[in-house]
Amino acid sequence: MRKLKRILHGLLALTASGFCVGGIQAADSTGSATPASTEKITLKGSFIWSKKAGKSYDLKAELTPNGSLQWKVVYNFLNPLGEKPTTYTGTITGDLQNGAVKGTGVDASGKRTFEFQGAASNGVLTFSHSETTPNRKGPTGTGNLKLSSAQPGT
């Protein structure tokens, strides 16, 4: 019986420290669970650019783990200026299932930058985004991304 108690106590300690089972981190006290840090994740959704209100643009974000609740990200979308495929790179930090999420991005030239902040609920992130490029700073619109896949062990 003592041995069983020690094993259970050890398992509880591992769970509380973020040990993952089956590719999903243990839920915290709020019931939140985000894919474990060894998984690549894809988010798909859309955004609205405030200068072209009423038109939605597809957005795909491919995340690579970079620490606990942190990812490097590649954003792919159709640029509202010229309507051509565009890629930005950046970071995302936060709970992708249920919690606060924020991120950054920069274009390939390194000249245009943005940030976003929002909240995830049941794997759907709703956010507002702003340009952070010098002399262009300000709100640029809203968007949403849905947790569409996670590849365990990749």
Foldseek 3Di string as FASTA:
>chain_A
DVVVVVVVVVVVVCLQVQNDDPQWRRADPVRAIAGDQQKKWKKKWWWAFVVRPPDIKIKIWIWHGDDDQKTKIWIWIQDPVVRHIFIWIWMKGDGQAFFKIKIKTAGPVRQWIKIWIFTHHRQKTKIWMWTPGPPRTDTTTIIMIGGDDIDPND
